[in-house]
Amino acid sequence: MKHVLLVVLVCSTVFSGAALAAHSGHGNIGVGVALGAPIGLSGKFWIFNRSAIDAVLGWDFQYQRFAFQGGYLYHFPIENVSKGYLAGYAGVGGLLKLSPPSDERPDASIIFSGRLPIGLEYIYKPISFFAEIDPLLDFHPNLYFDFAGGVGFRFYF
């Protein structure tokens, strides 16, 4: 019985997010490209009308590492936009960087950072454009403060 209730709860959350996102004038799943640090494939899933989960899988050219970042975003819609949907957003998430072994680094290395993305997204269905800056706090292997961010676009469906 507990499993049935869990499935019902998860399904209702996912489908209510899809319904709310669709009501806001755009789809609930966006797929595209992020250009910056890292550069790669970008995805976004709207959970509720103002909440979404985003992720980027790509490459960080500055440090020559594979990168995966993800996080939760809360949107602040900007009113009086004549066409489309414009919102600022802020969130919390993580960034994982992996470097393969090389001549300079015989062992693969891992960097894990916490991130606080702050950005702006304009959605003119089915396309969106976004720009963000991410203050980072590296937790592993050393404590270090850094910045990342970039621009990009997504197609919503």
Protein backbone atom coordinates (compact mmCIF):
# COMPACT_ATOMS: atom_id res chain seq x y z
CA MET A 1 0.00 0.00 0.00
CA LYS A 2 2.88 2.39 0.77
CA HIS A 3 4.30 1.83 -2.70
CA VAL A 4 0.97 2.65 -4.35
CA LEU A 5 0.72 5.91 -2.38
CA LEU A 6 4.28 6.80 -3.30
CA VAL A 7 3.61 6.19 -7.01
CA VAL A 8 0.42 8.28 -6.87
CA LEU A 9 2.26 11.11 -5.11
CA VAL A 10 5.15 11.11 -7.61
CA CYS A 11 2.84 10.95 -10.64
CA SER A 12 0.60 13.73 -9.35
CA THR A 13 3.64 15.95 -8.69
CA VAL A 14 5.10 15.34 -12.17
CA PHE A 15 1.81 15.79 -14.00
CA SER A 16 0.78 18.84 -11.98
CA GLY A 17 4.15 20.40 -12.86
CA ALA A 18 3.53 19.66 -16.51
CA ALA A 19 0.05 21.17 -16.32
CA LEU A 20 1.27 24.32 -14.56
CA ALA A 21 4.16 24.79 -16.98
CA ALA A 22 1.87 24.29 -19.96
CA HIS A 23 -0.54 26.85 -18.47
CA SER A 24 2.28 29.42 -18.30
CA GLY A 25 2.59 29.39 -22.10
CA HIS A 26 5.54 27.06 -22.66
CA GLY A 27 6.20 23.33 -22.43
CA ASN A 28 7.56 21.70 -19.30
CA ILE A 29 10.75 20.19 -20.82
CA GLY A 30 13.48 22.26 -22.45
CA VAL A 31 16.54 20.89 -24.26
CA GLY A 32 19.32 22.98 -25.75
CA VAL A 33 22.89 24.22 -25.54
CA ALA A 34 24.79 26.16 -22.86
CA LEU A 35 27.83 28.23 -23.86
CA GLY A 36 30.19 29.24 -21.09
CA ALA A 37 31.65 27.24 -18.24
CA PRO A 38 30.75 24.49 -18.96
CA ILE A 39 29.85 24.23 -22.64
CA GLY A 40 27.41 21.43 -23.37
CA LEU A 41 23.89 20.09 -23.54
CA SER A 42 21.37 21.88 -21.35
CA GLY A 43 18.09 20.56 -20.01
CA LYS A 44 15.34 22.03 -17.88
CA PHE A 45 12.26 20.43 -16.32
CA TRP A 46 9.55 22.63 -14.86
CA ILE A 47 8.18 21.18 -11.62
CA PHE A 48 5.65 23.92 -10.87
CA ASN A 49 4.75 27.29 -12.38
CA ARG A 50 7.82 29.02 -10.88
CA SER A 51 10.10 26.08 -10.00
CA ALA A 52 12.36 24.06 -12.26
CA ILE A 53 15.30 21.69 -12.23
CA ASP A 54 18.12 22.35 -14.70
CA ALA A 55 21.20 20.43 -15.75
CA VAL A 56 24.18 20.81 -18.10
CA LEU A 57 26.41 17.98 -19.29
CA GLY A 58 29.51 19.20 -21.06
CA TRP A 59 33.16 20.26 -21.03
CA ASP A 60 34.95 22.97 -19.05
CA PHE A 61 37.63 24.34 -21.40
CA GLN A 62 39.24 26.48 -18.68
CA TYR A 63 40.21 23.46 -16.58
CA GLN A 64 40.04 20.79 -19.34
CA ARG A 65 37.48 18.64 -17.52
CA PHE A 66 34.18 16.91 -18.13
CA ALA A 67 31.47 18.72 -16.20
CA PHE A 68 27.98 17.97 -14.91
CA GLN A 69 25.96 20.61 -13.14
CA GLY A 70 22.43 20.56 -11.86
CA GLY A 71 20.20 22.46 -9.53
CA TYR A 72 16.86 23.77 -8.41
CA LEU A 73 15.72 27.17 -9.78
CA TYR A 74 12.98 29.48 -8.51
CA HIS A 75 11.69 32.03 -11.05
CA PHE A 76 10.53 35.60 -10.47
CA PRO A 77 8.31 36.55 -13.47
CA ILE A 78 8.74 40.05 -14.85
CA GLU A 79 5.36 41.60 -15.62
CA ASN A 80 4.33 43.73 -18.61
CA VAL A 81 6.26 41.76 -21.22
CA SER A 82 4.34 42.21 -24.47
CA LYS A 83 5.24 38.81 -25.92
CA GLY A 84 6.65 35.70 -24.34
CA TYR A 85 7.67 35.04 -20.75
CA LEU A 86 10.55 36.80 -18.99
CA ALA A 87 11.78 35.84 -15.53
CA GLY A 88 14.76 36.28 -13.30
CA TYR A 89 15.75 33.24 -11.29
CA ALA A 90 17.91 32.13 -8.41
CA GLY A 91 18.70 28.67 -7.18
CA VAL A 92 20.98 26.19 -5.55
CA GLY A 93 22.83 23.20 -6.98
CA GLY A 94 26.08 21.38 -7.55
CA LEU A 95 28.85 21.09 -10.11
CA LEU A 96 30.98 17.99 -10.62
CA LYS A 97 34.15 18.18 -12.75
CA LEU A 98 36.09 15.08 -13.77
CA SER A 99 39.42 15.06 -15.53
CA PRO A 100 40.65 11.93 -17.27
CA PRO A 101 44.20 10.75 -16.65
CA SER A 102 46.81 12.50 -18.80
CA ASP A 103 50.59 12.94 -19.00
CA GLU A 104 50.41 15.93 -16.61
CA ARG A 105 47.90 14.22 -14.27
CA PRO A 106 48.44 10.45 -14.13
CA ASP A 107 45.42 10.02 -11.84
CA ALA A 108 41.93 11.13 -12.72
CA SER A 109 40.82 14.02 -10.51
CA ILE A 110 37.43 15.09 -9.20
CA ILE A 111 36.26 18.56 -8.20
CA PHE A 112 32.90 19.04 -6.46
CA SER A 113 31.40 22.51 -6.04
CA GLY A 114 28.24 24.01 -4.63
CA ARG A 115 26.66 26.62 -6.90
CA LEU A 116 24.17 29.48 -6.52
CA PRO A 117 22.90 30.22 -10.04
CA ILE A 118 21.44 33.68 -10.69
CA GLY A 119 20.04 34.40 -14.13
CA LEU A 120 17.48 35.66 -16.56
CA GLU A 121 15.43 33.61 -19.05
CA TYR A 122 13.22 34.77 -21.90
CA ILE A 123 10.84 32.19 -23.37
CA TYR A 124 9.17 32.88 -26.69
CA LYS A 125 7.64 29.48 -27.32
CA PRO A 126 9.05 27.10 -28.27
CA ILE A 127 12.51 28.73 -27.85
CA SER A 128 14.11 30.25 -24.76
CA PHE A 129 17.29 32.25 -24.23
CA PHE A 130 19.05 32.47 -20.90
CA ALA A 131 22.08 34.05 -19.24
CA GLU A 132 23.38 33.18 -15.79
CA ILE A 133 26.27 33.63 -13.41
CA ASP A 134 27.13 30.98 -10.82
CA PRO A 135 29.14 31.79 -7.73
CA LEU A 136 30.87 28.50 -6.82
CA LEU A 137 32.34 27.11 -3.64
CA ASP A 138 34.64 24.15 -4.37
CA PHE A 139 34.45 21.59 -1.56
CA HIS A 140 36.72 18.90 -2.94
CA PRO A 141 39.73 18.59 -3.15
CA ASN A 142 40.31 22.07 -1.62
CA LEU A 143 38.06 24.83 -0.36
CA TYR A 144 38.08 27.49 -3.08
CA PHE A 145 35.75 30.27 -4.33
CA ASP A 146 35.17 30.59 -8.08
CA PHE A 147 32.66 31.75 -10.69
CA ALA A 148 31.05 30.04 -13.67
CA GLY A 149 28.12 30.85 -15.93
CA GLY A 150 27.21 31.48 -19.51
CA VAL A 151 24.45 31.93 -22.03
CA GLY A 152 22.36 29.48 -23.98
CA PHE A 153 19.10 28.50 -25.59
CA ARG A 154 16.57 25.69 -25.29
CA PHE A 155 13.67 24.30 -27.28
CA TYR A 156 10.58 23.56 -25.19
CA PHE A 157 8.11 20.78 -25.83
